[in-house]
C-alpha atoms as a PDB file:
ATOM      1  CA  MET A   1     114.693 108.876 113.883  1.00  0.00           C
ATOM      2  CA  ILE A   2     111.581 110.717 115.077  1.00  0.00           C
ATOM      3  CA  ALA A   3     109.041 108.721 117.085  1.00  0.00           C
ATOM      4  CA  ILE A   4     105.683 108.227 115.389  1.00  0.00           C
ATOM      5  CA  LYS A   5     102.628 109.274 117.329  1.00  0.00           C
ATOM      6  CA  ASN A   6      99.981 106.620 116.744  1.00  0.00           C
ATOM      7  CA  ARG A   7      96.495 107.372 117.988  1.00  0.00           C
ATOM      8  CA  CYS A   8      94.768 104.482 116.199  1.00  0.00           C
ATOM      9  CA  SER A   9      92.736 102.450 118.694  1.00  0.00           C
ATOM     10  CA  GLY A  10      92.434  99.275 116.650  1.00  0.00           C
ATOM     11  CA  VAL A  11      91.045  97.483 113.608  1.00  0.00           C
ATOM     12  CA  ARG A  12      87.453  96.406 113.126  1.00  0.00           C
ATOM     13  CA  ALA A  13      85.235  95.070 110.377  1.00  0.00           C
ATOM     14  CA  GLU A  14      81.940  96.493 109.205  1.00  0.00           C
ATOM     15  CA  SER A  15      80.520  92.974 109.059  1.00  0.00           C
ATOM     16  CA  PRO A  16      81.496  89.574 110.504  1.00  0.00           C
ATOM     17  CA  LEU A  17      82.374  88.372 107.011  1.00  0.00           C
ATOM     18  CA  LEU A  18      85.294  90.850 106.917  1.00  0.00           C
ATOM     19  CA  GLN A  19      86.463  90.103 110.444  1.00  0.00           C
ATOM     20  CA  PRO A  20      89.299  87.699 109.377  1.00  0.00           C
ATOM     21  CA  LEU A  21      90.891  90.533 107.368  1.00  0.00           C
ATOM     22  CA  ALA A  22      90.566  92.897 110.322  1.00  0.00           C
ATOM     23  CA  LYS A  23      92.134  90.404 112.726  1.00  0.00           C
ATOM     24  CA  GLN A  24      95.012  89.737 110.334  1.00  0.00           C
ATOM     25  CA  LEU A  25      95.775  93.441 109.969  1.00  0.00           C
ATOM     26  CA  ALA A  26      95.461  94.002 113.722  1.00  0.00           C
ATOM     27  CA  ILE A  27      98.122  91.344 114.302  1.00  0.00           C
ATOM     28  CA  GLN A  28     100.350  92.907 111.631  1.00  0.00           C
ATOM     29  CA  LEU A  29     100.076  96.377 113.173  1.00  0.00           C
ATOM     30  CA  LYS A  30     100.103  95.115 116.777  1.00  0.00           C
ATOM     31  CA  LEU A  31      96.758  96.795 117.436  1.00  0.00           C
ATOM     32  CA  PRO A  32      93.606  95.539 119.185  1.00  0.00           C
ATOM     33  CA  SER A  33      91.065  93.693 117.084  1.00  0.00           C
ATOM     34  CA  LEU A  34      87.791  95.538 117.746  1.00  0.00           C
ATOM     35  CA  ASP A  35      84.482  93.724 118.068  1.00  0.00           C
ATOM     36  CA  PRO A  36      82.230  94.766 115.150  1.00  0.00           C
ATOM     37  CA  ASP A  37      79.155  94.372 117.375  1.00  0.00           C
ATOM     38  CA  GLN A  38      80.391  96.811 120.014  1.00  0.00           C
ATOM     39  CA  PRO A  39      79.762 100.569 119.636  1.00  0.00           C
ATOM     40  CA  VAL A  40      82.846 102.747 119.200  1.00  0.00           C
ATOM     41  CA  GLU A  41      83.572 105.416 121.771  1.00  0.00           C
ATOM     42  CA  SER A  42      83.494 109.092 120.813  1.00  0.00           C
ATOM     43  CA  ASP A  43      86.756 110.735 119.711  1.00  0.00           C
ATOM     44  CA  THR A  44      88.164 107.375 118.653  1.00  0.00           C
ATOM     45  CA  LEU A  45      90.280 106.727 115.571  1.00  0.00           C
ATOM     46  CA  TYR A  46      90.270 103.255 114.045  1.00  0.00           C
ATOM     47  CA  LEU A  47      90.757 101.271 110.850  1.00  0.00           C
ATOM     48  CA  GLN A  48      87.741  99.497 109.410  1.00  0.00           C
ATOM     49  CA  TYR A  49      87.332  96.991 106.605  1.00  0.00           C
ATOM     50  CA  GLN A  50      84.275  97.729 104.485  1.00  0.00           C
ATOM     51  CA  PRO A  51      83.081  95.921 101.345  1.00  0.00           C
ATOM     52  CA  ASP A  52      84.969  98.411  99.152  1.00  0.00           C
ATOM     53  CA  GLY A  53      88.238  98.204 101.097  1.00  0.00           C
ATOM     54  CA  LEU A  54      90.097  99.590 104.097  1.00  0.00           C
ATOM     55  CA  HIS A  55      88.988 102.895 105.633  1.00  0.00           C
ATOM     56  CA  ILE A  56      90.225 105.019 108.507  1.00  0.00           C
ATOM     57  CA  ILE A  57      87.469 106.532 110.631  1.00  0.00           C
ATOM     58  CA  TRP A  58      87.402 109.147 113.352  1.00  0.00           C
ATOM     59  CA  GLU A  59      84.359 109.086 115.609  1.00  0.00           C
ATOM     60  CA  ASN A  60      84.162 112.821 116.169  1.00  0.00           C
ATOM     61  CA  ARG A  61      81.424 113.514 118.730  1.00  0.00           C
ATOM     62  CA  GLY A  62      78.725 111.669 116.883  1.00  0.00           C
ATOM     63  CA  LYS A  63      79.854 112.906 113.463  1.00  0.00           C
ATOM     64  CA  PRO A  64      82.170 110.198 112.101  1.00  0.00           C
ATOM     65  CA  LEU A  65      84.690 111.260 109.464  1.00  0.00           C
ATOM     66  CA  GLY A  66      86.307 108.657 107.270  1.00  0.00           C
ATOM     67  CA  PHE A  67      88.124 108.066 104.032  1.00  0.00           C
ATOM     68  CA  GLN A  68      90.111 105.485 102.130  1.00  0.00           C
ATOM     69  CA  ILE A  69      93.001 105.741  99.702  1.00  0.00           C
ATOM     70  CA  ASP A  70      91.551 104.758  96.340  1.00  0.00           C
ATOM     71  CA  PHE A  71      93.669 105.034  93.198  1.00  0.00           C
ATOM     72  CA  THR A  72      90.628 104.135  91.090  1.00  0.00           C
ATOM     73  CA  SER A  73      88.656 107.175  92.307  1.00  0.00           C
ATOM     74  CA  GLY A  74      88.050 110.318  90.303  1.00  0.00           C
ATOM     75  CA  LEU A  75      90.434 112.258  92.563  1.00  0.00           C
ATOM     76  CA  TYR A  76      93.361 110.192  91.329  1.00  0.00           C
ATOM     77  CA  ARG A  77      92.133 109.563  87.796  1.00  0.00           C
ATOM     78  CA  ARG A  78      91.848 113.314  87.164  1.00  0.00           C
ATOM     79  CA  ARG A  79      95.587 113.474  87.665  1.00  0.00           C
ATOM     80  CA  LEU A  80      95.992 111.429  84.491  1.00  0.00           C
ATOM     81  CA  GLN A  81      94.604 114.349  82.447  1.00  0.00           C
ATOM     82  CA  THR A  82      96.166 117.266  84.333  1.00  0.00           C
ATOM     83  CA  GLY A  83      99.107 118.885  82.604  1.00  0.00           C
ATOM     84  CA  GLY A  84     101.082 115.826  81.599  1.00  0.00           C
ATOM     85  CA  LYS A  85     104.818 116.474  81.289  1.00  0.00           C
ATOM     86  CA  ASN A  86     104.210 120.243  81.274  1.00  0.00           C
ATOM     87  CA  GLN A  87     102.913 120.376  84.845  1.00  0.00           C
ATOM     88  CA  GLY A  88     105.095 121.868  87.548  1.00  0.00           C
ATOM     89  CA  LEU A  89     105.776 118.561  89.298  1.00  0.00           C
ATOM     90  CA  ALA A  90     107.067 116.945  86.102  1.00  0.00           C
ATOM     91  CA  LYS A  91     109.313 119.927  85.327  1.00  0.00           C
ATOM     92  CA  ALA A  92     110.723 119.955  88.852  1.00  0.00           C
ATOM     93  CA  ILE A  93     111.419 116.216  88.810  1.00  0.00           C
ATOM     94  CA  GLY A  94     113.266 116.613  85.508  1.00  0.00           C
ATOM     95  CA  ILE A  95     111.035 114.689  83.109  1.00  0.00           C
ATOM     96  CA  LYS A  96     112.075 115.602  79.568  1.00  0.00           C
ATOM     97  CA  GLY A  97     110.945 113.797  76.443  1.00  0.00           C
ATOM     98  CA  ASN A  98     111.451 110.091  77.049  1.00  0.00           C
ATOM     99  CA  HIS A  99     113.712 110.655  80.068  1.00  0.00           C
ATOM    100  CA  MET A 100     111.914 109.299  83.132  1.00  0.00           C
ATOM    101  CA  PRO A 101     113.968 109.703  86.322  1.00  0.00           C
ATOM    102  CA  THR A 102     113.701 107.139  89.075  1.00  0.00           C
ATOM    103  CA  VAL A 103     112.071 108.806  92.065  1.00  0.00           C
ATOM    104  CA  LEU A 104     112.193 108.133  95.785  1.00  0.00           C
ATOM    105  CA  ASP A 105     109.108 109.706  97.370  1.00  0.00           C
ATOM    106  CA  ALA A 106     110.378 109.946 100.930  1.00  0.00           C
ATOM    107  CA  THR A 107     107.094 111.305 102.344  1.00  0.00           C
ATOM    108  CA  ALA A 108     104.444 109.329 100.482  1.00  0.00           C
ATOM    109  CA  GLY A 109     101.369 110.314 102.523  1.00  0.00           C
ATOM    110  CA  PHE A 110      98.327 109.709 100.325  1.00  0.00           C
ATOM    111  CA  ALA A 111     100.638 108.985  97.341  1.00  0.00           C
ATOM    112  CA  ARG A 112      98.904 111.452  95.045  1.00  0.00           C
ATOM    113  CA  ASP A 113     102.139 112.854  93.631  1.00  0.00           C
ATOM    114  CA  SER A 114     103.651 109.373  93.449  1.00  0.00           C
ATOM    115  CA  PHE A 115     100.652 108.241  91.418  1.00  0.00           C
ATOM    116  CA  THR A 116     101.049 111.240  89.099  1.00  0.00           C
ATOM    117  CA  LEU A 117     104.740 110.503  88.531  1.00  0.00           C
ATOM    118  CA  ALA A 118     104.070 106.814  87.948  1.00  0.00           C
ATOM    119  CA  SER A 119     101.332 107.725  85.466  1.00  0.00           C
ATOM    120  CA  LEU A 120     103.896 109.771  83.534  1.00  0.00           C
ATOM    121  CA  GLY A 121     106.214 106.759  83.374  1.00  0.00           C
ATOM    122  CA  CYS A 122     108.551 107.122  86.363  1.00  0.00           C
ATOM    123  CA  GLU A 123     109.510 104.211  88.577  1.00  0.00           C
ATOM    124  CA  VAL A 124     108.601 105.454  92.062  1.00  0.00           C
ATOM    125  CA  THR A 125     109.656 104.078  95.437  1.00  0.00           C
ATOM    126  CA  LEU A 126     107.317 105.245  98.195  1.00  0.00           C
ATOM    127  CA  LEU A 127     108.353 105.574 101.839  1.00  0.00           C
ATOM    128  CA  GLU A 128     105.740 105.987 104.559  1.00  0.00           C
ATOM    129  CA  ARG A 129     106.805 106.200 108.183  1.00  0.00           C
ATOM    130  CA  SER A 130     103.304 105.814 109.662  1.00  0.00           C
ATOM    131  CA  PRO A 131     102.449 102.092 109.852  1.00  0.00           C
ATOM    132  CA  ILE A 132      98.758 102.981 109.631  1.00  0.00           C
ATOM    133  CA  LEU A 133      99.111 105.018 106.450  1.00  0.00           C
ATOM    134  CA  ALA A 134     101.487 102.411 105.032  1.00  0.00           C
ATOM    135  CA  ALA A 135      98.878  99.711 105.640  1.00  0.00           C
ATOM    136  CA  MET A 136      96.241 101.826 103.904  1.00  0.00           C
ATOM    137  CA  LEU A 137      98.591 102.443 100.965  1.00  0.00           C
ATOM    138  CA  ALA A 138      99.478  98.760 100.686  1.00  0.00           C
ATOM    139  CA  GLU A 139      95.805  97.776 100.622  1.00  0.00           C
ATOM    140  CA  ALA A 140      95.024 100.496  98.056  1.00  0.00           C
ATOM    141  CA  ILE A 141      97.924  99.451  95.825  1.00  0.00           C
ATOM    142  CA  ASP A 142      96.857  95.816  95.968  1.00  0.00           C
ATOM    143  CA  ARG A 143      93.228  96.709  95.186  1.00  0.00           C
ATOM    144  CA  ALA A 144      94.186  98.998  92.284  1.00  0.00           C
ATOM    145  CA  SER A 145      96.521  96.394  90.773  1.00  0.00           C
ATOM    146  CA  TYR A 146      93.408  94.505  89.621  1.00  0.00           C
ATOM    147  CA  ASP A 147      92.074  97.510  87.686  1.00  0.00           C
ATOM    148  CA  HIS A 148      93.207  96.968  84.112  1.00  0.00           C
ATOM    149  CA  GLU A 149      93.051 100.709  83.318  1.00  0.00           C
ATOM    150  CA  ILE A 150      95.724 101.648  85.860  1.00  0.00           C
ATOM    151  CA  ALA A 151      97.483  98.348  86.615  1.00  0.00           C
ATOM    152  CA  ASP A 152     100.559  99.413  84.619  1.00  0.00           C
ATOM    153  CA  ILE A 153     100.791 102.625  86.673  1.00  0.00           C
ATOM    154  CA  ILE A 154     100.477 100.763  89.961  1.00  0.00           C
ATOM    155  CA  ALA A 155     103.202  98.345  88.847  1.00  0.00           C
ATOM    156  CA  ARG A 156     105.645 101.272  88.788  1.00  0.00           C
ATOM    157  CA  MET A 157     104.954 102.037  92.484  1.00  0.00           C
ATOM    158  CA  THR A 158     106.908 100.185  95.195  1.00  0.00           C
ATOM    159  CA  LEU A 159     106.010 100.836  98.831  1.00  0.00           C
ATOM    160  CA  HIS A 160     108.185 100.505 101.958  1.00  0.00           C
ATOM    161  CA  SER A 161     106.827 101.040 105.449  1.00  0.00           C
ATOM    162  CA  ILE A 162     109.862 102.782 106.908  1.00  0.00           C
ATOM    163  CA  ASP A 163     111.086 106.135 108.187  1.00  0.00           C
ATOM    164  CA  ALA A 164     112.671 108.196 105.401  1.00  0.00           C
ATOM    165  CA  GLU A 165     115.775 109.066 107.409  1.00  0.00           C
ATOM    166  CA  GLU A 166     116.424 105.397 108.177  1.00  0.00           C
ATOM    167  CA  TYR A 167     116.023 104.401 104.530  1.00  0.00           C
ATOM    168  CA  LEU A 168     118.190 107.256 103.270  1.00  0.00           C
ATOM    169  CA  HIS A 169     120.932 106.313 105.727  1.00  0.00           C
ATOM    170  CA  TYR A 170     120.712 102.754 104.398  1.00  0.00           C
ATOM    171  CA  LEU A 171     121.133 103.908 100.798  1.00  0.00           C
ATOM    172  CA  ALA A 172     123.938 106.317 101.721  1.00  0.00           C
ATOM    173  CA  SER A 173     125.984 103.725 103.627  1.00  0.00           C
ATOM    174  CA  ASN A 174     125.483 100.700 101.380  1.00  0.00           C
ATOM    175  CA  ASN A 175     126.332  99.841  97.811  1.00  0.00           C
ATOM    176  CA  GLN A 176     122.714 100.147  96.693  1.00  0.00           C
ATOM    177  CA  PRO A 177     121.251 101.696  93.532  1.00  0.00           C
ATOM    178  CA  LYS A 178     120.524 105.360  94.177  1.00  0.00           C
ATOM    179  CA  PRO A 179     117.438 107.183  92.888  1.00  0.00           C
ATOM    180  CA  ASP A 180     117.821 109.995  90.392  1.00  0.00           C
ATOM    181  CA  VAL A 181     115.482 112.156  92.463  1.00  0.00           C
ATOM    182  CA  VAL A 182     114.431 112.303  96.103  1.00  0.00           C
ATOM    183  CA  TYR A 183     111.053 113.984  96.578  1.00  0.00           C
ATOM    184  CA  LEU A 184     109.979 115.569  99.875  1.00  0.00           C
ATOM    185  CA  ASP A 185     106.492 116.875 100.573  1.00  0.00           C
ATOM    186  CA  PRO A 186     106.070 117.978 104.199  1.00  0.00           C
ATOM    187  CA  MET A 187     102.400 117.315 104.933  1.00  0.00           C
ATOM    188  CA  PHE A 188     101.951 119.916 107.673  1.00  0.00           C
ATOM    189  CA  PRO A 189     103.081 123.316 106.402  1.00  0.00           C
ATOM    190  CA  GLU A 190     102.609 126.226 108.773  1.00  0.00           C
ATOM    191  CA  ARG A 191      99.275 127.953 108.281  1.00  0.00           C
ATOM    192  CA  ARG A 192      99.202 131.730 108.003  1.00  0.00           C
ATOM    193  CA  LYS A 193      95.395 131.801 107.968  1.00  0.00           C
ATOM    194  CA  LYS A 194      92.874 129.847 109.974  1.00  0.00           C
ATOM    195  CA  ALA A 195      90.906 127.495 107.723  1.00  0.00           C
ATOM    196  CA  LEU A 196      88.950 124.312 108.053  1.00  0.00           C
ATOM    197  CA  VAL A 197      91.154 121.638 106.541  1.00  0.00           C
ATOM    198  CA  LYS A 198      89.775 118.774 104.491  1.00  0.00           C
ATOM    199  CA  LYS A 199      88.574 115.740 106.379  1.00  0.00           C
ATOM    200  CA  GLU A 200      91.594 113.724 105.261  1.00  0.00           C
ATOM    201  CA  MET A 201      93.926 116.222 106.919  1.00  0.00           C
ATOM    202  CA  GLN A 202      91.745 116.429 110.028  1.00  0.00           C
ATOM    203  CA  ILE A 203      92.021 112.677 110.427  1.00  0.00           C
ATOM    204  CA  LEU A 204      95.732 112.763 109.667  1.00  0.00           C
ATOM    205  CA  HIS A 205      96.259 115.311 112.420  1.00  0.00           C
ATOM    206  CA  GLN A 206      94.387 113.017 114.794  1.00  0.00           C
ATOM    207  CA  LEU A 207      96.534 110.076 113.734  1.00  0.00           C
ATOM    208  CA  LEU A 208      99.973 111.655 113.722  1.00  0.00           C
ATOM    209  CA  GLY A 209      99.600 114.798 115.790  1.00  0.00           C
ATOM    210  CA  ASN A 210     101.036 118.152 114.731  1.00  0.00           C
ATOM    211  CA  ASP A 211     104.342 117.716 112.915  1.00  0.00           C
ATOM    212  CA  ASP A 212     104.692 121.363 111.865  1.00  0.00           C
ATOM    213  CA  HIS A 213     108.194 121.650 113.273  1.00  0.00           C
ATOM    214  CA  GLN A 214     109.495 118.261 112.256  1.00  0.00           C
ATOM    215  CA  PRO A 215     112.933 118.515 110.597  1.00  0.00           C
ATOM    216  CA  TYR A 216     113.089 116.846 107.194  1.00  0.00           C
ATOM    217  CA  PRO A 217     116.238 115.032 105.980  1.00  0.00           C
ATOM    218  CA  LEU A 218     117.032 117.448 103.149  1.00  0.00           C
ATOM    219  CA  GLU A 219     120.802 117.355 103.556  1.00  0.00           C
ATOM    220  CA  LEU A 220     120.824 113.558 103.824  1.00  0.00           C
ATOM    221  CA  ALA A 221     118.628 113.294 100.742  1.00  0.00           C
ATOM    222  CA  MET A 222     121.161 115.365  98.799  1.00  0.00           C
ATOM    223  CA  THR A 223     123.843 112.747  99.508  1.00  0.00           C
ATOM    224  CA  VAL A 224     121.606 110.033  98.048  1.00  0.00           C
ATOM    225  CA  ALA A 225     119.915 111.584  94.994  1.00  0.00           C
ATOM    226  CA  THR A 226     122.127 111.314  91.938  1.00  0.00           C
ATOM    227  CA  HIS A 227     120.523 114.308  90.200  1.00  0.00           C
ATOM    228  CA  ARG A 228     118.305 116.396  92.436  1.00  0.00           C
ATOM    229  CA  VAL A 229     116.143 116.719  95.503  1.00  0.00           C
ATOM    230  CA  VAL A 230     112.706 118.277  94.995  1.00  0.00           C
ATOM    231  CA  VAL A 231     110.753 119.802  97.893  1.00  0.00           C
ATOM    232  CA  LYS A 232     107.090 120.762  97.580  1.00  0.00           C
ATOM    233  CA  ARG A 233     106.201 123.899  99.537  1.00  0.00           C
ATOM    234  CA  PRO A 234     103.298 126.330  99.861  1.00  0.00           C
ATOM    235  CA  ARG A 235     104.036 129.223  97.516  1.00  0.00           C
ATOM    236  CA  GLN A 236     104.839 131.741 100.270  1.00  0.00           C
ATOM    237  CA  ALA A 237     106.499 129.328 102.721  1.00  0.00           C
ATOM    238  CA  GLU A 238     110.093 129.726 103.833  1.00  0.00           C
ATOM    239  CA  ASP A 239     112.765 127.412 102.465  1.00  0.00           C
ATOM    240  CA  LEU A 240     112.836 123.968 104.040  1.00  0.00           C
ATOM    241  CA  ASN A 241     115.502 123.829 106.760  1.00  0.00           C
ATOM    242  CA  GLU A 242     116.363 127.415 105.702  1.00  0.00           C
ATOM    243  CA  LYS A 243     118.328 126.066 102.724  1.00  0.00           C
ATOM    244  CA  LYS A 244     118.070 128.020  99.462  1.00  0.00           C
ATOM    245  CA  PRO A 245     117.314 125.852  96.394  1.00  0.00           C
ATOM    246  CA  SER A 246     119.139 125.858  93.075  1.00  0.00           C
ATOM    247  CA  PHE A 247     115.922 127.006  91.398  1.00  0.00           C
ATOM    248  CA  ARG A 248     112.176 126.930  91.853  1.00  0.00           C
ATOM    249  CA  VAL A 249     109.161 125.882  89.789  1.00  0.00           C
ATOM    250  CA  ILE A 250     106.316 128.107  90.986  1.00  0.00           C
ATOM    251  CA  GLY A 251     102.603 127.387  90.653  1.00  0.00           C
ATOM    252  CA  LYS A 252      99.448 129.189  91.764  1.00  0.00           C
ATOM    253  CA  SER A 253      99.347 127.958  95.359  1.00  0.00           C
ATOM    254  CA  SER A 254     102.482 125.875  95.732  1.00  0.00           C
ATOM    255  CA  ARG A 255     106.001 125.662  94.438  1.00  0.00           C
ATOM    256  CA  TYR A 256     108.736 123.087  93.944  1.00  0.00           C
ATOM    257  CA  ASP A 257     112.198 123.896  95.280  1.00  0.00           C
ATOM    258  CA  VAL A 258     114.857 122.040  93.328  1.00  0.00           C
ATOM    259  CA  TYR A 259     118.262 121.249  94.854  1.00  0.00           C
ATOM    260  CA  LEU A 260     120.760 120.018  92.309  1.00  0.00           C
ATOM    261  CA  THR A 261     123.260 117.511  93.642  1.00  0.00           C
ATOM    262  CA  GLU A 262     126.985 117.509  92.952  1.00  0.00           C
ATOM    263  CA  ILE A 263     126.786 114.870  90.240  1.00  0.00           C
ATOM    264  CA  SER A 264     123.825 116.404  88.404  1.00  0.00           C
ATOM    265  CA  ASP A 265     123.995 116.872  84.648  1.00  0.00           C
END
């Protein structure tokens, strides 16, 4: 299992009223509880409870960057009207008609693809190895579960704060139900051109460091998935772990490499 780099300095609250939530989360994550009345040092990354939920903030030389995971936002809601079952992700996962595969999203990240799959009707298990991101996801899932417009989608999403390799080993070595599909989305593809990444990715780099060369458990995933493993890649990127897929679903800027398992239909 690969060690997680954690650069989060602690948990604070925007106001004293939210301080009990901050202290509770700090205990859960074994992080310092930061005094809301004390200024935050420059180049510091921290979690902060605000009236609208949990945010992660990077104090970047006087220009703080921050965001929260919010399934009720337009960014996620637009995914409900984008392509449906004809979109590349759905085709790669194997959604056909009323057939909705069970999916293990082994690299949940911001859970955008998990949310899309759940919105299409799939039961999705999310794995997130970063305790900080997992805490943000858990808070976002809980908050969204009270939104009647998407509560049924959120109910199809189950989160585990665990390393994917550890969880896959558990499924492979125990008599546990196996997912139809294991989905892998490496979050740090190699960049061929220099570009300013979105603030979410800037903060993620600060939190986790550069995982460009992290090996992903593709071969292990293929022993667990009963039908296929799907890997999301930039369109021109090399095959993950240099393993050629069974076929590809190619989009404008990205592609899905599909690895059929031995017991696939």
